[in-house]
Amino acid sequence: PEGGEENFQEAEAAINKNIVAPRLED
C-alpha cells in the first residue's frame, strides 16, 4: 500500500551493469 516497490525494480535494472565479471579497461 506504500505505492509499489520501486526499490526492487531499481535492483532489477541495476543487475546488468553492476553484476559483471571484473575486468580492467584497456
PDB file of all heavy atoms in Angstrom:
ATOM      1  N   PRO A   1       0.810  -1.231   0.000  1.00  0.00           N
ATOM      2  CA  PRO A   1       0.000   0.000   0.000  1.00  0.00           C
ATOM      3  C   PRO A   1       0.834   1.267   0.000  1.00  0.00           C
ATOM      4  O   PRO A   1       0.302   2.371  -0.149  1.00  0.00           O
ATOM      5  CB  PRO A   1      -0.823  -0.126   1.293  1.00  0.00           C
ATOM      6  CG  PRO A   1      -0.005  -0.993   2.189  1.00  0.00           C
ATOM      7  CD  PRO A   1       0.673  -1.974   1.279  1.00  0.00           C
ATOM      8  N   GLU A   2       2.151   1.120   0.163  1.00  0.00           N
ATOM      9  CA  GLU A   2       3.029   2.293   0.179  1.00  0.00           C
ATOM     10  C   GLU A   2       3.265   2.863  -1.228  1.00  0.00           C
ATOM     11  O   GLU A   2       4.035   3.788  -1.412  1.00  0.00           O
ATOM     12  CB  GLU A   2       4.379   1.926   0.802  1.00  0.00           C
ATOM     13  CG  GLU A   2       4.312   1.624   2.281  1.00  0.00           C
ATOM     14  CD  GLU A   2       4.144   2.887   3.105  1.00  0.00           C
ATOM     15  OE1 GLU A   2       4.672   3.939   2.706  1.00  0.00           O
ATOM     16  OE2 GLU A   2       3.470   2.823   4.147  1.00  0.00           O
ATOM     17  N   GLY A   3       2.652   2.242  -2.243  1.00  0.00           N
ATOM     18  CA  GLY A   3       2.816   2.771  -3.604  1.00  0.00           C
ATOM     19  C   GLY A   3       3.715   1.926  -4.472  1.00  0.00           C
ATOM     20  O   GLY A   3       4.338   2.426  -5.406  1.00  0.00           O
ATOM     21  N   GLY A   4       3.780   0.637  -4.205  1.00  0.00           N
ATOM     22  CA  GLY A   4       4.623  -0.247  -5.013  1.00  0.00           C
ATOM     23  C   GLY A   4       6.034  -0.326  -4.463  1.00  0.00           C
ATOM     24  O   GLY A   4       6.392   0.386  -3.525  1.00  0.00           O
ATOM     25  N   GLU A   5       6.816  -1.220  -5.017  1.00  0.00           N
ATOM     26  CA  GLU A   5       8.176  -1.412  -4.524  1.00  0.00           C
ATOM     27  C   GLU A   5       9.176  -1.074  -5.640  1.00  0.00           C
ATOM     28  O   GLU A   5       9.742  -1.959  -6.304  1.00  0.00           O
ATOM     29  CB  GLU A   5       8.352  -2.833  -4.008  1.00  0.00           C
ATOM     30  CG  GLU A   5       7.408  -3.136  -2.845  1.00  0.00           C
ATOM     31  CD  GLU A   5       7.949  -4.185  -1.886  1.00  0.00           C
ATOM     32  OE1 GLU A   5       8.518  -5.188  -2.353  1.00  0.00           O
ATOM     33  OE2 GLU A   5       7.812  -3.995  -0.671  1.00  0.00           O
ATOM     34  N   GLU A   6       9.367   0.220  -5.818  1.00  0.00           N
ATOM     35  CA  GLU A   6      10.287   0.705  -6.850  1.00  0.00           C
ATOM     36  C   GLU A   6      11.715   0.257  -6.566  1.00  0.00           C
ATOM     37  O   GLU A   6      12.524   0.129  -7.494  1.00  0.00           O
ATOM     38  CB  GLU A   6      10.243   2.220  -6.928  1.00  0.00           C
ATOM     39  CG  GLU A   6       8.923   2.783  -7.445  1.00  0.00           C
ATOM     40  CD  GLU A   6       8.914   4.301  -7.410  1.00  0.00           C
ATOM     41  OE1 GLU A   6      10.022   4.893  -7.401  1.00  0.00           O
ATOM     42  OE2 GLU A   6       7.824   4.891  -7.376  1.00  0.00           O
ATOM     43  N   ASN A   7      12.024   0.043  -5.284  1.00  0.00           N
ATOM     44  CA  ASN A   7      13.389  -0.369  -4.942  1.00  0.00           C
ATOM     45  C   ASN A   7      13.749  -1.712  -5.583  1.00  0.00           C
ATOM     46  O   ASN A   7      14.884  -1.920  -6.021  1.00  0.00           O
ATOM     47  CB  ASN A   7      13.595  -0.398  -3.432  1.00  0.00           C
ATOM     48  CG  ASN A   7      12.535  -1.207  -2.707  1.00  0.00           C
ATOM     49  OD1 ASN A   7      11.441  -1.446  -3.221  1.00  0.00           O
ATOM     50  ND2 ASN A   7      12.834  -1.648  -1.486  1.00  0.00           N
ATOM     51  N   PHE A   8      12.790  -2.627  -5.678  1.00  0.00           N
ATOM     52  CA  PHE A   8      13.052  -3.922  -6.312  1.00  0.00           C
ATOM     53  C   PHE A   8      13.186  -3.760  -7.830  1.00  0.00           C
ATOM     54  O   PHE A   8      13.963  -4.461  -8.475  1.00  0.00           O
ATOM     55  CB  PHE A   8      11.949  -4.922  -5.955  1.00  0.00           C
ATOM     56  CG  PHE A   8      12.140  -5.549  -4.599  1.00  0.00           C
ATOM     57  CD1 PHE A   8      11.736  -4.884  -3.452  1.00  0.00           C
ATOM     58  CD2 PHE A   8      12.753  -6.790  -4.466  1.00  0.00           C
ATOM     59  CE1 PHE A   8      11.912  -5.449  -2.190  1.00  0.00           C
ATOM     60  CE2 PHE A   8      12.941  -7.362  -3.214  1.00  0.00           C
ATOM     61  CZ  PHE A   8      12.522  -6.690  -2.073  1.00  0.00           C
ATOM     62  N   GLN A   9      12.437  -2.824  -8.386  1.00  0.00           N
ATOM     63  CA  GLN A   9      12.579  -2.538  -9.820  1.00  0.00           C
ATOM     64  C   GLN A   9      13.941  -1.903 -10.103  1.00  0.00           C
ATOM     65  O   GLN A   9      14.584  -2.209 -11.115  1.00  0.00           O
ATOM     66  CB  GLN A   9      11.448  -1.610 -10.272  1.00  0.00           C
ATOM     67  CG  GLN A   9      10.069  -2.256 -10.204  1.00  0.00           C
ATOM     68  CD  GLN A   9       8.947  -1.251 -10.432  1.00  0.00           C
ATOM     69  OE1 GLN A   9       9.177  -0.143 -10.908  1.00  0.00           O
ATOM     70  NE2 GLN A   9       7.726  -1.637 -10.072  1.00  0.00           N
ATOM     71  N   GLU A  10      14.383  -1.020  -9.201  1.00  0.00           N
ATOM     72  CA  GLU A  10      15.723  -0.430  -9.338  1.00  0.00           C
ATOM     73  C   GLU A  10      16.795  -1.507  -9.253  1.00  0.00           C
ATOM     74  O   GLU A  10      17.775  -1.483 -10.000  1.00  0.00           O
ATOM     75  CB  GLU A  10      15.952   0.610  -8.237  1.00  0.00           C
ATOM     76  CG  GLU A  10      15.137   1.892  -8.396  1.00  0.00           C
ATOM     77  CD  GLU A  10      15.352   2.858  -7.240  1.00  0.00           C
ATOM     78  OE1 GLU A  10      15.877   2.438  -6.190  1.00  0.00           O
ATOM     79  OE2 GLU A  10      15.000   4.038  -7.390  1.00  0.00           O
ATOM     80  N   ALA A  11      16.597  -2.456  -8.340  1.00  0.00           N
ATOM     81  CA  ALA A  11      17.554  -3.552  -8.186  1.00  0.00           C
ATOM     82  C   ALA A  11      17.638  -4.382  -9.463  1.00  0.00           C
ATOM     83  O   ALA A  11      18.728  -4.719  -9.944  1.00  0.00           O
ATOM     84  CB  ALA A  11      17.149  -4.439  -7.003  1.00  0.00           C
ATOM     85  N   GLU A  12      16.475  -4.679 -10.036  1.00  0.00           N
ATOM     86  CA  GLU A  12      16.444  -5.475 -11.270  1.00  0.00           C
ATOM     87  C   GLU A  12      17.135  -4.730 -12.417  1.00  0.00           C
ATOM     88  O   GLU A  12      17.886  -5.314 -13.200  1.00  0.00           O
ATOM     89  CB  GLU A  12      14.979  -5.762 -11.622  1.00  0.00           C
ATOM     90  CG  GLU A  12      14.791  -6.709 -12.806  1.00  0.00           C
ATOM     91  CD  GLU A  12      14.599  -5.954 -14.109  1.00  0.00           C
ATOM     92  OE1 GLU A  12      14.262  -4.754 -14.053  1.00  0.00           O
ATOM     93  OE2 GLU A  12      14.802  -6.563 -15.175  1.00  0.00           O
ATOM     94  N   ALA A  13      16.921  -3.414 -12.493  1.00  0.00           N
ATOM     95  CA  ALA A  13      17.522  -2.602 -13.562  1.00  0.00           C
ATOM     96  C   ALA A  13      19.036  -2.478 -13.408  1.00  0.00           C
ATOM     97  O   ALA A  13      19.749  -2.251 -14.394  1.00  0.00           O
ATOM     98  CB  ALA A  13      16.889  -1.216 -13.576  1.00  0.00           C
ATOM     99  N   ALA A  14      19.529  -2.635 -12.179  1.00  0.00           N
ATOM    100  CA  ALA A  14      20.966  -2.459 -11.918  1.00  0.00           C
ATOM    101  C   ALA A  14      21.766  -3.734 -12.117  1.00  0.00           C
ATOM    102  O   ALA A  14      23.006  -3.705 -12.054  1.00  0.00           O
ATOM    103  CB  ALA A  14      21.168  -1.941 -10.490  1.00  0.00           C
ATOM    104  N   ILE A  15      21.112  -4.843 -12.367  1.00  0.00           N
ATOM    105  CA  ILE A  15      21.809  -6.131 -12.434  1.00  0.00           C
ATOM    106  C   ILE A  15      22.819  -6.176 -13.573  1.00  0.00           C
ATOM    107  O   ILE A  15      23.985  -6.533 -13.368  1.00  0.00           O
ATOM    108  CB  ILE A  15      20.787  -7.292 -12.547  1.00  0.00           C
ATOM    109  CG1 ILE A  15      20.057  -7.460 -11.214  1.00  0.00           C
ATOM    110  CG2 ILE A  15      21.484  -8.597 -12.945  1.00  0.00           C
ATOM    111  CD1 ILE A  15      18.887  -8.426 -11.262  1.00  0.00           C
ATOM    112  N   ASN A  16      22.383  -5.854 -14.785  1.00  0.00           N
ATOM    113  CA  ASN A  16      23.280  -5.971 -15.943  1.00  0.00           C
ATOM    114  C   ASN A  16      24.547  -5.150 -15.798  1.00  0.00           C
ATOM    115  O   ASN A  16      25.635  -5.593 -16.160  1.00  0.00           O
ATOM    116  CB  ASN A  16      22.556  -5.553 -17.227  1.00  0.00           C
ATOM    117  CG  ASN A  16      21.747  -6.695 -17.820  1.00  0.00           C
ATOM    118  OD1 ASN A  16      21.961  -7.857 -17.483  1.00  0.00           O
ATOM    119  ND2 ASN A  16      20.807  -6.369 -18.682  1.00  0.00           N
ATOM    120  N   LYS A  17      24.422  -3.938 -15.271  1.00  0.00           N
ATOM    121  CA  LYS A  17      25.570  -3.030 -15.203  1.00  0.00           C
ATOM    122  C   LYS A  17      26.488  -3.324 -14.023  1.00  0.00           C
ATOM    123  O   LYS A  17      27.707  -3.105 -14.111  1.00  0.00           O
ATOM    124  CB  LYS A  17      25.064  -1.590 -15.128  1.00  0.00           C
ATOM    125  CG  LYS A  17      26.166  -0.557 -15.235  1.00  0.00           C
ATOM    126  CD  LYS A  17      25.615   0.849 -15.352  1.00  0.00           C
ATOM    127  CE  LYS A  17      24.986   1.308 -14.062  1.00  0.00           C
ATOM    128  NZ  LYS A  17      24.582   2.729 -14.091  1.00  0.00           N
ATOM    129  N   ASN A  18      25.930  -3.836 -12.928  1.00  0.00           N
ATOM    130  CA  ASN A  18      26.717  -3.961 -11.698  1.00  0.00           C
ATOM    131  C   ASN A  18      27.137  -5.381 -11.338  1.00  0.00           C
ATOM    132  O   ASN A  18      28.021  -5.557 -10.508  1.00  0.00           O
ATOM    133  CB  ASN A  18      25.925  -3.357 -10.528  1.00  0.00           C
ATOM    134  CG  ASN A  18      25.751  -1.861 -10.656  1.00  0.00           C
ATOM    135  OD1 ASN A  18      26.685  -1.103 -10.424  1.00  0.00           O
ATOM    136  ND2 ASN A  18      24.564  -1.434 -11.052  1.00  0.00           N
ATOM    137  N   ILE A  19      26.500  -6.367 -11.940  1.00  0.00           N
ATOM    138  CA  ILE A  19      26.913  -7.748 -11.678  1.00  0.00           C
ATOM    139  C   ILE A  19      27.614  -8.255 -12.932  1.00  0.00           C
ATOM    140  O   ILE A  19      27.008  -8.858 -13.821  1.00  0.00           O
ATOM    141  CB  ILE A  19      25.702  -8.623 -11.299  1.00  0.00           C
ATOM    142  CG1 ILE A  19      25.032  -8.044 -10.046  1.00  0.00           C
ATOM    143  CG2 ILE A  19      26.138 -10.060 -11.057  1.00  0.00           C
ATOM    144  CD1 ILE A  19      23.814  -8.789  -9.587  1.00  0.00           C
ATOM    145  N   VAL A  20      28.876  -7.924 -13.021  1.00  0.00           N
ATOM    146  CA  VAL A  20      29.686  -8.288 -14.180  1.00  0.00           C
ATOM    147  C   VAL A  20      31.032  -8.831 -13.709  1.00  0.00           C
ATOM    148  O   VAL A  20      31.501  -8.497 -12.624  1.00  0.00           O
ATOM    149  CB  VAL A  20      29.923  -7.070 -15.103  1.00  0.00           C
ATOM    150  CG1 VAL A  20      28.629  -6.629 -15.755  1.00  0.00           C
ATOM    151  CG2 VAL A  20      30.536  -5.907 -14.329  1.00  0.00           C
ATOM    152  N   ALA A  21      31.608  -9.686 -14.552  1.00  0.00           N
ATOM    153  CA  ALA A  21      32.924 -10.237 -14.216  1.00  0.00           C
ATOM    154  C   ALA A  21      33.942  -9.107 -14.164  1.00  0.00           C
ATOM    155  O   ALA A  21      33.945  -8.225 -15.031  1.00  0.00           O
ATOM    156  CB  ALA A  21      33.327 -11.263 -15.270  1.00  0.00           C
ATOM    157  N   PRO A  22      34.801  -9.078 -13.160  1.00  0.00           N
ATOM    158  CA  PRO A  22      35.783  -7.994 -13.038  1.00  0.00           C
ATOM    159  C   PRO A  22      36.745  -7.982 -14.222  1.00  0.00           C
ATOM    160  O   PRO A  22      37.214  -9.021 -14.663  1.00  0.00           O
ATOM    161  CB  PRO A  22      36.507  -8.316 -11.724  1.00  0.00           C
ATOM    162  CG  PRO A  22      36.275  -9.775 -11.483  1.00  0.00           C
ATOM    163  CD  PRO A  22      34.947 -10.073 -12.071  1.00  0.00           C
ATOM    164  N   ARG A  23      37.005  -6.779 -14.744  1.00  0.00           N
ATOM    165  CA  ARG A  23      37.958  -6.621 -15.846  1.00  0.00           C
ATOM    166  C   ARG A  23      38.553  -5.216 -15.814  1.00  0.00           C
ATOM    167  O   ARG A  23      37.940  -4.280 -15.317  1.00  0.00           O
ATOM    168  CB  ARG A  23      37.292  -6.849 -17.211  1.00  0.00           C
ATOM    169  CG  ARG A  23      36.155  -5.896 -17.512  1.00  0.00           C
ATOM    170  CD  ARG A  23      35.590  -6.135 -18.903  1.00  0.00           C
ATOM    171  NE  ARG A  23      36.485  -5.710 -19.948  1.00  0.00           N
ATOM    172  CZ  ARG A  23      36.541  -4.469 -20.440  1.00  0.00           C
ATOM    173  NH1 ARG A  23      35.734  -3.524 -19.946  1.00  0.00           N
ATOM    174  NH2 ARG A  23      37.374  -4.151 -21.398  1.00  0.00           N
ATOM    175  N   LEU A  24      39.756  -5.122 -16.347  1.00  0.00           N
ATOM    176  CA  LEU A  24      40.408  -3.826 -16.434  1.00  0.00           C
ATOM    177  C   LEU A  24      40.102  -3.189 -17.781  1.00  0.00           C
ATOM    178  O   LEU A  24      40.108  -3.866 -18.810  1.00  0.00           O
ATOM    179  CB  LEU A  24      41.929  -3.978 -16.294  1.00  0.00           C
ATOM    180  CG  LEU A  24      42.511  -4.129 -14.889  1.00  0.00           C
ATOM    181  CD1 LEU A  24      44.017  -4.261 -14.991  1.00  0.00           C
ATOM    182  CD2 LEU A  24      42.153  -2.951 -14.004  1.00  0.00           C
ATOM    183  N   GLU A  25      39.839  -1.892 -17.784  1.00  0.00           N
ATOM    184  CA  GLU A  25      39.665  -1.168 -19.035  1.00  0.00           C
ATOM    185  C   GLU A  25      40.989  -1.173 -19.797  1.00  0.00           C
ATOM    186  O   GLU A  25      42.075  -1.243 -19.209  1.00  0.00           O
ATOM    187  CB  GLU A  25      39.234   0.286 -18.761  1.00  0.00           C
ATOM    188  CG  GLU A  25      37.964   0.435 -17.955  1.00  0.00           C
ATOM    189  CD  GLU A  25      36.724   0.062 -18.746  1.00  0.00           C
ATOM    190  OE1 GLU A  25      36.777   0.111 -19.990  1.00  0.00           O
ATOM    191  OE2 GLU A  25      35.711  -0.281 -18.108  1.00  0.00           O
ATOM    192  N   ASP A  26      40.899  -1.089 -21.126  1.00  0.00           N
ATOM    193  CA  ASP A  26      42.108  -1.127 -21.953  1.00  0.00           C
ATOM    194  C   ASP A  26      43.068   0.006 -21.604  1.00  0.00           C
ATOM    195  O   ASP A  26      44.291  -0.180 -21.619  1.00  0.00           O
ATOM    196  CB  ASP A  26      41.732  -1.041 -23.441  1.00  0.00           C
ATOM    197  CG  ASP A  26      41.018  -2.292 -23.924  1.00  0.00           C
ATOM    198  OD1 ASP A  26      41.151  -3.334 -23.259  1.00  0.00           O
ATOM    199  OD2 ASP A  26      40.333  -2.228 -24.955  1.00  0.00           O
TER     200      ASP A  26
END
